Amino acid sequence: MSQNHISLANEPGGFFWSGGGAKSLITHEGVATGEAAKPATGSRPADLRLHFGNYFVRIIAGKERRSPDRIRKERKENPAFTLRNLPLILAIWLLSSCALLYFLSRTMQILSQM
């Protein structure tokens, strides 16, 4: 019988009642339900989603909570530098370069006026 089965106290025994009775099952269910209902503790990561028509870019920033082994495994399974990611990497590089050149030129203009 599954744990989701609803039993009455006057039902015949069997596997359901062999583990300590209905009272112990209710206690365990209460603990499991209580743990699931608790809000997540700790800070949540920043989650920014930028929409461009039918496309979006999602940036998630926060403290890493994965184990080093899991990080290594996921980096091996999903490398960042692939042909699929190349257009996005180039776009970020281009925008960053343009922004840097703009701010450098503005800084030079301000310094030349002094």
PDB file of N, CA and C in Angstrom:
ATOM      1  N   MET A   1       0.834  -1.183   0.000  1.00  0.00           N
ATOM      2  CA  MET A   1       0.000   0.000   0.000  1.00  0.00           C
ATOM      3  C   MET A   1       0.876   1.243   0.000  1.00  0.00           C
ATOM      4  N   SER A   2       0.487   2.286  -0.672  1.00  0.00           N
ATOM      5  CA  SER A   2       1.289   3.512  -0.698  1.00  0.00           C
ATOM      6  C   SER A   2       1.015   4.350   0.548  1.00  0.00           C
ATOM      7  N   GLN A   3       1.893   5.288   0.806  1.00  0.00           N
ATOM      8  CA  GLN A   3       1.724   6.136   1.986  1.00  0.00           C
ATOM      9  C   GLN A   3       0.558   7.103   1.824  1.00  0.00           C
ATOM     10  N   ASN A   4       0.116   7.324   0.603  1.00  0.00           N
ATOM     11  CA  ASN A   4      -0.986   8.241   0.370  1.00  0.00           C
ATOM     12  C   ASN A   4      -2.341   7.597   0.619  1.00  0.00           C
ATOM     13  N   HIS A   5      -2.347   6.310   0.941  1.00  0.00           N
ATOM     14  CA  HIS A   5      -3.594   5.592   1.195  1.00  0.00           C
ATOM     15  C   HIS A   5      -4.220   6.093   2.496  1.00  0.00           C
ATOM     16  N   ILE A   6      -5.501   6.377   2.467  1.00  0.00           N
ATOM     17  CA  ILE A   6      -6.208   6.813   3.659  1.00  0.00           C
ATOM     18  C   ILE A   6      -6.825   5.588   4.313  1.00  0.00           C
ATOM     19  N   SER A   7      -6.511   5.365   5.579  1.00  0.00           N
ATOM     20  CA  SER A   7      -7.043   4.219   6.306  1.00  0.00           C
ATOM     21  C   SER A   7      -7.836   4.684   7.512  1.00  0.00           C
ATOM     22  N   LEU A   8      -8.790   3.878   7.857  1.00  0.00           N
ATOM     23  CA  LEU A   8      -9.555   4.126   9.070  1.00  0.00           C
ATOM     24  C   LEU A   8      -9.008   3.240  10.169  1.00  0.00           C
ATOM     25  N   ALA A   9      -9.214   3.633  11.412  1.00  0.00           N
ATOM     26  CA  ALA A   9      -8.671   2.891  12.547  1.00  0.00           C
ATOM     27  C   ALA A   9      -9.267   1.488  12.649  1.00  0.00           C
ATOM     28  N   ASN A  10     -10.478   1.282  12.126  1.00  0.00           N
ATOM     29  CA  ASN A  10     -11.101  -0.028  12.264  1.00  0.00           C
ATOM     30  C   ASN A  10     -10.828  -0.948  11.076  1.00  0.00           C
ATOM     31  N   GLU A  11      -9.941  -0.569  10.131  1.00  0.00           N
ATOM     32  CA  GLU A  11      -9.585  -1.440   9.017  1.00  0.00           C
ATOM     33  C   GLU A  11      -8.725  -2.586   9.515  1.00  0.00           C
ATOM     34  N   PRO A  12      -8.764  -3.723   8.819  1.00  0.00           N
ATOM     35  CA  PRO A  12      -7.892  -4.828   9.220  1.00  0.00           C
ATOM     36  C   PRO A  12      -6.423  -4.428   9.051  1.00  0.00           C
ATOM     37  N   GLY A  13      -5.550  -5.073   9.825  1.00  0.00           N
ATOM     38  CA  GLY A  13      -4.125  -4.762   9.815  1.00  0.00           C
ATOM     39  C   GLY A  13      -3.472  -5.130   8.504  1.00  0.00           C
ATOM     40  N   GLY A  14      -2.185  -5.209   8.503  1.00  0.00           N
ATOM     41  CA  GLY A  14      -1.443  -5.532   7.294  1.00  0.00           C
ATOM     42  C   GLY A  14      -0.173  -4.696   7.273  1.00  0.00           C
ATOM     43  N   PHE A  15       0.364  -4.464   6.083  1.00  0.00           N
ATOM     44  CA  PHE A  15       1.620  -3.738   5.941  1.00  0.00           C
ATOM     45  C   PHE A  15       1.517  -2.319   6.508  1.00  0.00           C
ATOM     46  N   PHE A  16       0.370  -1.692   6.299  1.00  0.00           N
ATOM     47  CA  PHE A  16       0.195  -0.313   6.762  1.00  0.00           C
ATOM     48  C   PHE A  16       0.368  -0.186   8.266  1.00  0.00           C
ATOM     49  N   TRP A  17      -0.137  -1.157   9.015  1.00  0.00           N
ATOM     50  CA  TRP A  17      -0.105  -1.058  10.469  1.00  0.00           C
ATOM     51  C   TRP A  17       1.141  -1.689  11.083  1.00  0.00           C
ATOM     52  N   SER A  18       1.982  -2.338  10.304  1.00  0.00           N
ATOM     53  CA  SER A  18       3.114  -3.049  10.871  1.00  0.00           C
ATOM     54  C   SER A  18       4.237  -2.120  11.324  1.00  0.00           C
ATOM     55  N   GLY A  19       4.243  -0.883  10.915  1.00  0.00           N
ATOM     56  CA  GLY A  19       5.357   0.014  11.233  1.00  0.00           C
ATOM     57  C   GLY A  19       5.138   0.862  12.463  1.00  0.00           C
ATOM     58  N   GLY A  20       4.223   0.567  13.304  1.00  0.00           N
ATOM     59  CA  GLY A  20       4.040   1.354  14.512  1.00  0.00           C
ATOM     60  C   GLY A  20       2.683   2.004  14.616  1.00  0.00           C
ATOM     61  N   GLY A  21       1.823   1.752  13.676  1.00  0.00           N
ATOM     62  CA  GLY A  21       0.471   2.255  13.774  1.00  0.00           C
ATOM     63  C   GLY A  21       0.294   3.592  13.080  1.00  0.00           C
ATOM     64  N   ALA A  22      -0.961   4.030  13.058  1.00  0.00           N
ATOM     65  CA  ALA A  22      -1.309   5.254  12.351  1.00  0.00           C
ATOM     66  C   ALA A  22      -0.722   6.479  13.029  1.00  0.00           C
ATOM     67  N   LYS A  23      -0.577   6.448  14.344  1.00  0.00           N
ATOM     68  CA  LYS A  23      -0.076   7.622  15.057  1.00  0.00           C
ATOM     69  C   LYS A  23       1.347   7.950  14.614  1.00  0.00           C
ATOM     70  N   SER A  24       2.211   6.920  14.472  1.00  0.00           N
ATOM     71  CA  SER A  24       3.584   7.189  14.043  1.00  0.00           C
ATOM     72  C   SER A  24       3.615   7.681  12.600  1.00  0.00           C
ATOM     73  N   LEU A  25       2.726   7.167  11.750  1.00  0.00           N
ATOM     74  CA  LEU A  25       2.678   7.623  10.375  1.00  0.00           C
ATOM     75  C   LEU A  25       2.271   9.088  10.315  1.00  0.00           C
ATOM     76  N   ILE A  26       1.285   9.474  11.089  1.00  0.00           N
ATOM     77  CA  ILE A  26       0.837  10.862  11.116  1.00  0.00           C
ATOM     78  C   ILE A  26       1.967  11.759  11.605  1.00  0.00           C
ATOM     79  N   THR A  27       2.704  11.321  12.603  1.00  0.00           N
ATOM     80  CA  THR A  27       3.826  12.112  13.101  1.00  0.00           C
ATOM     81  C   THR A  27       4.857  12.323  12.000  1.00  0.00           C
ATOM     82  N   HIS A  28       5.209  11.259  11.275  1.00  0.00           N
ATOM     83  CA  HIS A  28       6.187  11.387  10.204  1.00  0.00           C
ATOM     84  C   HIS A  28       5.662  12.260   9.074  1.00  0.00           C
ATOM     85  N   GLU A  29       4.393  12.134   8.740  1.00  0.00           N
ATOM     86  CA  GLU A  29       3.822  12.971   7.694  1.00  0.00           C
ATOM     87  C   GLU A  29       3.835  14.434   8.120  1.00  0.00           C
ATOM     88  N   GLY A  30       3.560  14.687   9.391  1.00  0.00           N
ATOM     89  CA  GLY A  30       3.572  16.060   9.885  1.00  0.00           C
ATOM     90  C   GLY A  30       4.955  16.673   9.777  1.00  0.00           C
ATOM     91  N   VAL A  31       5.981  15.888  10.081  1.00  0.00           N
ATOM     92  CA  VAL A  31       7.351  16.385   9.967  1.00  0.00           C
ATOM     93  C   VAL A  31       7.668  16.685   8.521  1.00  0.00           C
ATOM     94  N   ALA A  32       7.322  15.761   7.618  1.00  0.00           N
ATOM     95  CA  ALA A  32       7.609  15.965   6.199  1.00  0.00           C
ATOM     96  C   ALA A  32       6.848  17.167   5.654  1.00  0.00           C
ATOM     97  N   THR A  33       5.594  17.298   6.034  1.00  0.00           N
ATOM     98  CA  THR A  33       4.797  18.430   5.573  1.00  0.00           C
ATOM     99  C   THR A  33       5.331  19.729   6.151  1.00  0.00           C
ATOM    100  N   GLY A  34       5.719  19.715   7.405  1.00  0.00           N
ATOM    101  CA  GLY A  34       6.261  20.916   8.035  1.00  0.00           C
ATOM    102  C   GLY A  34       7.555  21.366   7.384  1.00  0.00           C
ATOM    103  N   GLU A  35       8.421  20.415   7.019  1.00  0.00           N
ATOM    104  CA  GLU A  35       9.675  20.757   6.360  1.00  0.00           C
ATOM    105  C   GLU A  35       9.412  21.346   4.976  1.00  0.00           C
ATOM    106  N   ALA A  36       8.441  20.786   4.266  1.00  0.00           N
ATOM    107  CA  ALA A  36       8.154  21.262   2.917  1.00  0.00           C
ATOM    108  C   ALA A  36       7.499  22.634   2.935  1.00  0.00           C
ATOM    109  N   ALA A  37       6.762  22.944   3.986  1.00  0.00           N
ATOM    110  CA  ALA A  37       6.042  24.211   4.047  1.00  0.00           C
ATOM    111  C   ALA A  37       6.911  25.364   4.518  1.00  0.00           C
ATOM    112  N   LYS A  38       8.087  25.073   5.074  1.00  0.00           N
ATOM    113  CA  LYS A  38       8.953  26.147   5.545  1.00  0.00           C
ATOM    114  C   LYS A  38       9.508  26.930   4.372  1.00  0.00           C
ATOM    115  N   PRO A  39       9.574  28.261   4.501  1.00  0.00           N
ATOM    116  CA  PRO A  39      10.190  29.039   3.428  1.00  0.00           C
ATOM    117  C   PRO A  39      11.690  28.776   3.388  1.00  0.00           C
ATOM    118  N   ALA A  40      12.271  28.932   2.216  1.00  0.00           N
ATOM    119  CA  ALA A  40      13.712  28.701   2.060  1.00  0.00           C
ATOM    120  C   ALA A  40      14.480  29.743   2.875  1.00  0.00           C
ATOM    121  N   THR A  41      15.483  29.275   3.598  1.00  0.00           N
ATOM    122  CA  THR A  41      16.288  30.188   4.393  1.00  0.00           C
ATOM    123  C   THR A  41      17.462  30.672   3.573  1.00  0.00           C
ATOM    124  N   GLY A  42      18.053  31.766   4.007  1.00  0.00           N
ATOM    125  CA  GLY A  42      19.201  32.316   3.307  1.00  0.00           C
ATOM    126  C   GLY A  42      18.754  33.278   2.217  1.00  0.00           C
ATOM    127  N   SER A  43      19.733  33.928   1.620  1.00  0.00           N
ATOM    128  CA  SER A  43      19.411  34.907   0.602  1.00  0.00           C
ATOM    129  C   SER A  43      19.159  34.220  -0.735  1.00  0.00           C
ATOM    130  N   ARG A  44      18.262  34.772  -1.476  1.00  0.00           N
ATOM    131  CA  ARG A  44      17.958  34.259  -2.807  1.00  0.00           C
ATOM    132  C   ARG A  44      18.821  35.007  -3.806  1.00  0.00           C
ATOM    133  N   PRO A  45      19.194  34.361  -4.908  1.00  0.00           N
ATOM    134  CA  PRO A  45      20.033  35.048  -5.891  1.00  0.00           C
ATOM    135  C   PRO A  45      19.256  36.120  -6.641  1.00  0.00           C
ATOM    136  N   ALA A  46      19.980  37.122  -7.127  1.00  0.00           N
ATOM    137  CA  ALA A  46      19.369  38.139  -7.981  1.00  0.00           C
ATOM    138  C   ALA A  46      19.053  37.486  -9.318  1.00  0.00           C
ATOM    139  N   ASP A  47      17.894  37.739  -9.846  1.00  0.00           N
ATOM    140  CA  ASP A  47      17.450  37.106 -11.086  1.00  0.00           C
ATOM    141  C   ASP A  47      16.929  38.193 -12.019  1.00  0.00           C
ATOM    142  N   LEU A  48      17.690  38.478 -13.081  1.00  0.00           N
ATOM    143  CA  LEU A  48      17.343  39.532 -14.026  1.00  0.00           C
ATOM    144  C   LEU A  48      17.051  38.894 -15.379  1.00  0.00           C
ATOM    145  N   ARG A  49      15.891  39.194 -15.947  1.00  0.00           N
ATOM    146  CA  ARG A  49      15.516  38.652 -17.249  1.00  0.00           C
ATOM    147  C   ARG A  49      15.219  39.831 -18.179  1.00  0.00           C
ATOM    148  N   LEU A  50      16.021  39.962 -19.223  1.00  0.00           N
ATOM    149  CA  LEU A  50      15.862  41.034 -20.209  1.00  0.00           C
ATOM    150  C   LEU A  50      15.224  40.452 -21.461  1.00  0.00           C
ATOM    151  N   HIS A  51      14.125  41.065 -21.912  1.00  0.00           N
ATOM    152  CA  HIS A  51      13.397  40.559 -23.072  1.00  0.00           C
ATOM    153  C   HIS A  51      13.705  41.406 -24.298  1.00  0.00           C
ATOM    154  N   PHE A  52      13.953  40.750 -25.409  1.00  0.00           N
ATOM    155  CA  PHE A  52      14.193  41.384 -26.700  1.00  0.00           C
ATOM    156  C   PHE A  52      13.305  40.699 -27.723  1.00  0.00           C
ATOM    157  N   GLY A  53      12.060  41.126 -27.803  1.00  0.00           N
ATOM    158  CA  GLY A  53      11.110  40.486 -28.711  1.00  0.00           C
ATOM    159  C   GLY A  53      10.821  39.066 -28.259  1.00  0.00           C
ATOM    160  N   ASN A  54      11.120  38.111 -29.111  1.00  0.00           N
ATOM    161  CA  ASN A  54      10.884  36.701 -28.782  1.00  0.00           C
ATOM    162  C   ASN A  54      12.040  36.069 -28.027  1.00  0.00           C
ATOM    163  N   TYR A  55      13.083  36.824 -27.771  1.00  0.00           N
ATOM    164  CA  TYR A  55      14.266  36.302 -27.099  1.00  0.00           C
ATOM    165  C   TYR A  55      14.437  36.962 -25.741  1.00  0.00           C
ATOM    166  N   PHE A  56      15.174  36.313 -24.866  1.00  0.00           N
ATOM    167  CA  PHE A  56      15.482  36.907 -23.578  1.00  0.00           C
ATOM    168  C   PHE A  56      16.866  36.484 -23.133  1.00  0.00           C
ATOM    169  N   VAL A  57      17.433  37.291 -22.238  1.00  0.00           N
ATOM    170  CA  VAL A  57      18.718  36.981 -21.610  1.00  0.00           C
ATOM    171  C   VAL A  57      18.461  36.958 -20.116  1.00  0.00           C
ATOM    172  N   ARG A  58      18.866  35.889 -19.467  1.00  0.00           N
ATOM    173  CA  ARG A  58      18.644  35.744 -18.028  1.00  0.00           C
ATOM    174  C   ARG A  58      19.988  35.759 -17.320  1.00  0.00           C
ATOM    175  N   ILE A  59      20.098  36.629 -16.328  1.00  0.00           N
ATOM    176  CA  ILE A  59      21.310  36.729 -15.528  1.00  0.00           C
ATOM    177  C   ILE A  59      20.939  36.423 -14.090  1.00  0.00           C
ATOM    178  N   ILE A  60      21.596  35.425 -13.525  1.00  0.00           N
ATOM    179  CA  ILE A  60      21.367  35.051 -12.131  1.00  0.00           C
ATOM    180  C   ILE A  60      22.678  35.260 -11.389  1.00  0.00           C
ATOM    181  N   ALA A  61      22.637  36.058 -10.334  1.00  0.00           N
ATOM    182  CA  ALA A  61      23.855  36.337  -9.567  1.00  0.00           C
ATOM    183  C   ALA A  61      23.584  36.069  -8.098  1.00  0.00           C
ATOM    184  N   GLY A  62      24.517  35.396  -7.453  1.00  0.00           N
ATOM    185  CA  GLY A  62      24.373  35.098  -6.040  1.00  0.00           C
ATOM    186  C   GLY A  62      25.482  34.180  -5.578  1.00  0.00           C
ATOM    187  N   LYS A  63      25.420  33.809  -4.330  1.00  0.00           N
ATOM    188  CA  LYS A  63      26.423  32.927  -3.746  1.00  0.00           C
ATOM    189  C   LYS A  63      26.239  31.514  -4.289  1.00  0.00           C
ATOM    190  N   GLU A  64      27.338  30.904  -4.669  1.00  0.00           N
ATOM    191  CA  GLU A  64      27.308  29.532  -5.190  1.00  0.00           C
ATOM    192  C   GLU A  64      27.032  28.567  -4.048  1.00  0.00           C
ATOM    193  N   ARG A  65      26.014  27.708  -4.223  1.00  0.00           N
ATOM    194  CA  ARG A  65      25.666  26.747  -3.182  1.00  0.00           C
ATOM    195  C   ARG A  65      25.912  25.308  -3.614  1.00  0.00           C
ATOM    196  N   ARG A  66      26.351  25.113  -4.865  1.00  0.00           N
ATOM    197  CA  ARG A  66      26.626  23.759  -5.329  1.00  0.00           C
ATOM    198  C   ARG A  66      27.992  23.299  -4.827  1.00  0.00           C
ATOM    199  N   SER A  67      28.162  22.006  -4.705  1.00  0.00           N
ATOM    200  CA  SER A  67      29.443  21.445  -4.282  1.00  0.00           C
ATOM    201  C   SER A  67      30.452  21.576  -5.421  1.00  0.00           C
ATOM    202  N   PRO A  68      31.765  21.610  -5.088  1.00  0.00           N
ATOM    203  CA  PRO A  68      32.786  21.706  -6.138  1.00  0.00           C
ATOM    204  C   PRO A  68      32.712  20.559  -7.151  1.00  0.00           C
ATOM    205  N   ASP A  69      32.375  19.357  -6.695  1.00  0.00           N
ATOM    206  CA  ASP A  69      32.246  18.232  -7.618  1.00  0.00           C
ATOM    207  C   ASP A  69      31.110  18.458  -8.613  1.00  0.00           C
ATOM    208  N   ARG A  70      29.995  18.976  -8.119  1.00  0.00           N
ATOM    209  CA  ARG A  70      28.854  19.226  -9.002  1.00  0.00           C
ATOM    210  C   ARG A  70      29.176  20.342  -9.993  1.00  0.00           C
ATOM    211  N   ILE A  71      29.882  21.368  -9.553  1.00  0.00           N
ATOM    212  CA  ILE A  71      30.263  22.460 -10.458  1.00  0.00           C
ATOM    213  C   ILE A  71      31.147  21.918 -11.578  1.00  0.00           C
ATOM    214  N   ARG A  72      32.163  21.110 -11.215  1.00  0.00           N
ATOM    215  CA  ARG A  72      33.060  20.522 -12.206  1.00  0.00           C
ATOM    216  C   ARG A  72      32.286  19.662 -13.210  1.00  0.00           C
ATOM    217  N   LYS A  73      31.373  18.849 -12.699  1.00  0.00           N
ATOM    218  CA  LYS A  73      30.580  17.969 -13.563  1.00  0.00           C
ATOM    219  C   LYS A  73      29.717  18.781 -14.524  1.00  0.00           C
ATOM    220  N   GLU A  74      29.050  19.816 -14.031  1.00  0.00           N
ATOM    221  CA  GLU A  74      28.163  20.613 -14.873  1.00  0.00           C
ATOM    222  C   GLU A  74      28.946  21.440 -15.886  1.00  0.00           C
ATOM    223  N   ARG A  75      30.148  21.907 -15.523  1.00  0.00           N
ATOM    224  CA  ARG A  75      30.972  22.629 -16.490  1.00  0.00           C
ATOM    225  C   ARG A  75      31.430  21.710 -17.613  1.00  0.00           C
ATOM    226  N   LYS A  76      31.682  20.451 -17.283  1.00  0.00           N
ATOM    227  CA  LYS A  76      32.093  19.492 -18.302  1.00  0.00           C
ATOM    228  C   LYS A  76      30.917  19.157 -19.215  1.00  0.00           C
ATOM    229  N   GLU A  77      29.717  19.023 -18.648  1.00  0.00           N
ATOM    230  CA  GLU A  77      28.537  18.669 -19.431  1.00  0.00           C
ATOM    231  C   GLU A  77      28.016  19.846 -20.262  1.00  0.00           C
ATOM    232  N   ASN A  78      28.165  21.077 -19.753  1.00  0.00           N
ATOM    233  CA  ASN A  78      27.646  22.271 -20.426  1.00  0.00           C
ATOM    234  C   ASN A  78      28.731  23.346 -20.506  1.00  0.00           C
ATOM    235  N   PRO A  79      29.705  23.183 -21.400  1.00  0.00           N
ATOM    236  CA  PRO A  79      30.772  24.186 -21.483  1.00  0.00           C
ATOM    237  C   PRO A  79      30.239  25.520 -21.995  1.00  0.00           C
ATOM    238  N   ALA A  80      30.854  26.616 -21.554  1.00  0.00           N
ATOM    239  CA  ALA A  80      30.391  27.951 -21.932  1.00  0.00           C
ATOM    240  C   ALA A  80      30.776  28.298 -23.364  1.00  0.00           C
ATOM    241  N   PHE A  81      31.975  27.917 -23.771  1.00  0.00           N
ATOM    242  CA  PHE A  81      32.465  28.296 -25.089  1.00  0.00           C
ATOM    243  C   PHE A  81      32.166  27.209 -26.118  1.00  0.00           C
ATOM    244  N   THR A  82      30.951  27.301 -26.688  1.00  0.00           N
ATOM    245  CA  THR A  82      30.524  26.378 -27.734  1.00  0.00           C
ATOM    246  C   THR A  82      29.998  27.207 -28.902  1.00  0.00           C
ATOM    247  N   LEU A  83      29.794  26.581 -30.028  1.00  0.00           N
ATOM    248  CA  LEU A  83      29.259  27.305 -31.186  1.00  0.00           C
ATOM    249  C   LEU A  83      27.870  27.868 -30.903  1.00  0.00           C
ATOM    250  N   ARG A  84      27.107  27.156 -30.106  1.00  0.00           N
ATOM    251  CA  ARG A  84      25.760  27.622 -29.770  1.00  0.00           C
ATOM    252  C   ARG A  84      25.803  28.925 -28.973  1.00  0.00           C
ATOM    253  N   ASN A  85      26.812  29.070 -28.098  1.00  0.00           N
ATOM    254  CA  ASN A  85      26.918  30.257 -27.252  1.00  0.00           C
ATOM    255  C   ASN A  85      27.738  31.372 -27.890  1.00  0.00           C
ATOM    256  N   LEU A  86      28.415  31.103 -29.005  1.00  0.00           N
ATOM    257  CA  LEU A  86      29.307  32.070 -29.626  1.00  0.00           C
ATOM    258  C   LEU A  86      28.627  33.400 -29.981  1.00  0.00           C
ATOM    259  N   PRO A  87      27.441  33.421 -30.591  1.00  0.00           N
ATOM    260  CA  PRO A  87      26.814  34.719 -30.891  1.00  0.00           C
ATOM    261  C   PRO A  87      26.583  35.583 -29.643  1.00  0.00           C
ATOM    262  N   LEU A  88      26.149  34.969 -28.570  1.00  0.00           N
ATOM    263  CA  LEU A  88      25.916  35.729 -27.341  1.00  0.00           C
ATOM    264  C   LEU A  88      27.225  36.229 -26.744  1.00  0.00           C
ATOM    265  N   ILE A  89      28.253  35.400 -26.750  1.00  0.00           N
ATOM    266  CA  ILE A  89      29.552  35.813 -26.218  1.00  0.00           C
ATOM    267  C   ILE A  89      30.104  36.973 -27.040  1.00  0.00           C
ATOM    268  N   LEU A  90      29.991  36.898 -28.371  1.00  0.00           N
ATOM    269  CA  LEU A  90      30.457  37.988 -29.230  1.00  0.00           C
ATOM    270  C   LEU A  90      29.657  39.268 -28.998  1.00  0.00           C
ATOM    271  N   ALA A  91      28.350  39.152 -28.820  1.00  0.00           N
ATOM    272  CA  ALA A  91      27.515  40.332 -28.578  1.00  0.00           C
ATOM    273  C   ALA A  91      27.890  40.997 -27.253  1.00  0.00           C
ATOM    274  N   ILE A  92      28.099  40.199 -26.220  1.00  0.00           N
ATOM    275  CA  ILE A  92      28.504  40.765 -24.924  1.00  0.00           C
ATOM    276  C   ILE A  92      29.863  41.427 -25.044  1.00  0.00           C
ATOM    277  N   TRP A  93      30.801  40.791 -25.747  1.00  0.00           N
ATOM    278  CA  TRP A  93      32.135  41.355 -25.925  1.00  0.00           C
ATOM    279  C   TRP A  93      32.052  42.667 -26.702  1.00  0.00           C
ATOM    280  N   LEU A  94      31.265  42.701 -27.778  1.00  0.00           N
ATOM    281  CA  LEU A  94      31.119  43.903 -28.593  1.00  0.00           C
ATOM    282  C   LEU A  94      30.497  45.048 -27.793  1.00  0.00           C
ATOM    283  N   LEU A  95      29.430  44.776 -27.082  1.00  0.00           N
ATOM    284  CA  LEU A  95      28.786  45.824 -26.278  1.00  0.00           C
ATOM    285  C   LEU A  95      29.710  46.333 -25.172  1.00  0.00           C
ATOM    286  N   SER A  96      30.438  45.430 -24.536  1.00  0.00           N
ATOM    287  CA  SER A  96      31.378  45.832 -23.488  1.00  0.00           C
ATOM    288  C   SER A  96      32.496  46.689 -24.058  1.00  0.00           C
ATOM    289  N   SER A  97      33.001  46.308 -25.217  1.00  0.00           N
ATOM    290  CA  SER A  97      34.069  47.085 -25.863  1.00  0.00           C
ATOM    291  C   SER A  97      33.587  48.471 -26.257  1.00  0.00           C
ATOM    292  N   CYS A  98      32.394  48.540 -26.823  1.00  0.00           N
ATOM    293  CA  CYS A  98      31.829  49.846 -27.203  1.00  0.00           C
ATOM    294  C   CYS A  98      31.618  50.728 -25.982  1.00  0.00           C
ATOM    295  N   ALA A  99      31.110  50.166 -24.912  1.00  0.00           N
ATOM    296  CA  ALA A  99      30.893  50.949 -23.689  1.00  0.00           C
ATOM    297  C   ALA A  99      32.221  51.436 -23.126  1.00  0.00           C
ATOM    298  N   LEU A 100      33.239  50.594 -23.126  1.00  0.00           N
ATOM    299  CA  LEU A 100      34.552  50.996 -22.626  1.00  0.00           C
ATOM    300  C   LEU A 100      35.145  52.115 -23.475  1.00  0.00           C
ATOM    301  N   LEU A 101      35.067  51.972 -24.798  1.00  0.00           N
ATOM    302  CA  LEU A 101      35.590  53.019 -25.679  1.00  0.00           C
ATOM    303  C   LEU A 101      34.837  54.329 -25.503  1.00  0.00           C
ATOM    304  N   TYR A 102      33.522  54.264 -25.338  1.00  0.00           N
ATOM    305  CA  TYR A 102      32.729  55.474 -25.128  1.00  0.00           C
ATOM    306  C   TYR A 102      33.153  56.173 -23.839  1.00  0.00           C
ATOM    307  N   PHE A 103      33.256  55.432 -22.751  1.00  0.00           N
ATOM    308  CA  PHE A 103      33.627  56.056 -21.484  1.00  0.00           C
ATOM    309  C   PHE A 103      35.058  56.577 -21.500  1.00  0.00           C
ATOM    310  N   LEU A 104      35.958  55.895 -22.189  1.00  0.00           N
ATOM    311  CA  LEU A 104      37.323  56.400 -22.312  1.00  0.00           C
ATOM    312  C   LEU A 104      37.368  57.687 -23.128  1.00  0.00           C
ATOM    313  N   SER A 105      36.612  57.750 -24.214  1.00  0.00           N
ATOM    314  CA  SER A 105      36.596  58.972 -25.028  1.00  0.00           C
ATOM    315  C   SER A 105      35.973  60.132 -24.261  1.00  0.00           C
ATOM    316  N   ARG A 106      34.907  59.879 -23.507  1.00  0.00           N
ATOM    317  CA  ARG A 106      34.288  60.943 -22.694  1.00  0.00           C
ATOM    318  C   ARG A 106      35.249  61.427 -21.610  1.00  0.00           C
ATOM    319  N   THR A 107      35.984  60.490 -21.012  1.00  0.00           N
ATOM    320  CA  THR A 107      36.960  60.860 -19.984  1.00  0.00           C
ATOM    321  C   THR A 107      38.060  61.719 -20.598  1.00  0.00           C
ATOM    322  N   MET A 108      38.533  61.353 -21.767  1.00  0.00           N
ATOM    323  CA  MET A 108      39.567  62.143 -22.441  1.00  0.00           C
ATOM    324  C   MET A 108      39.049  63.532 -22.799  1.00  0.00           C
ATOM    325  N   GLN A 109      37.803  63.654 -23.238  1.00  0.00           N
ATOM    326  CA  GLN A 109      37.214  64.968 -23.536  1.00  0.00           C
ATOM    327  C   GLN A 109      37.149  65.832 -22.287  1.00  0.00           C
ATOM    328  N   ILE A 110      36.722  65.259 -21.188  1.00  0.00           N
ATOM    329  CA  ILE A 110      36.622  66.015 -19.929  1.00  0.00           C
ATOM    330  C   ILE A 110      37.991  66.440 -19.461  1.00  0.00           C
ATOM    331  N   LEU A 111      38.986  65.558 -19.550  1.00  0.00           N
ATOM    332  CA  LEU A 111      40.334  65.908 -19.124  1.00  0.00           C
ATOM    333  C   LEU A 111      40.966  66.964 -20.030  1.00  0.00           C
ATOM    334  N   SER A 112      40.642  66.933 -21.317  1.00  0.00           N
ATOM    335  CA  SER A 112      41.229  67.919 -22.241  1.00  0.00           C
ATOM    336  C   SER A 112      40.635  69.303 -22.018  1.00  0.00           C
ATOM    337  N   GLN A 113      39.441  69.411 -21.450  1.00  0.00           N
ATOM    338  CA  GLN A 113      38.806  70.704 -21.182  1.00  0.00           C
ATOM    339  C   GLN A 113      39.337  71.346 -19.912  1.00  0.00           C
ATOM    340  N   MET A 114      40.077  70.626 -19.112  1.00  0.00           N
ATOM    341  CA  MET A 114      40.577  71.159 -17.841  1.00  0.00           C
ATOM    342  C   MET A 114      41.773  72.026 -18.046  1.00  0.00           C
TER     343      MET A 114
END
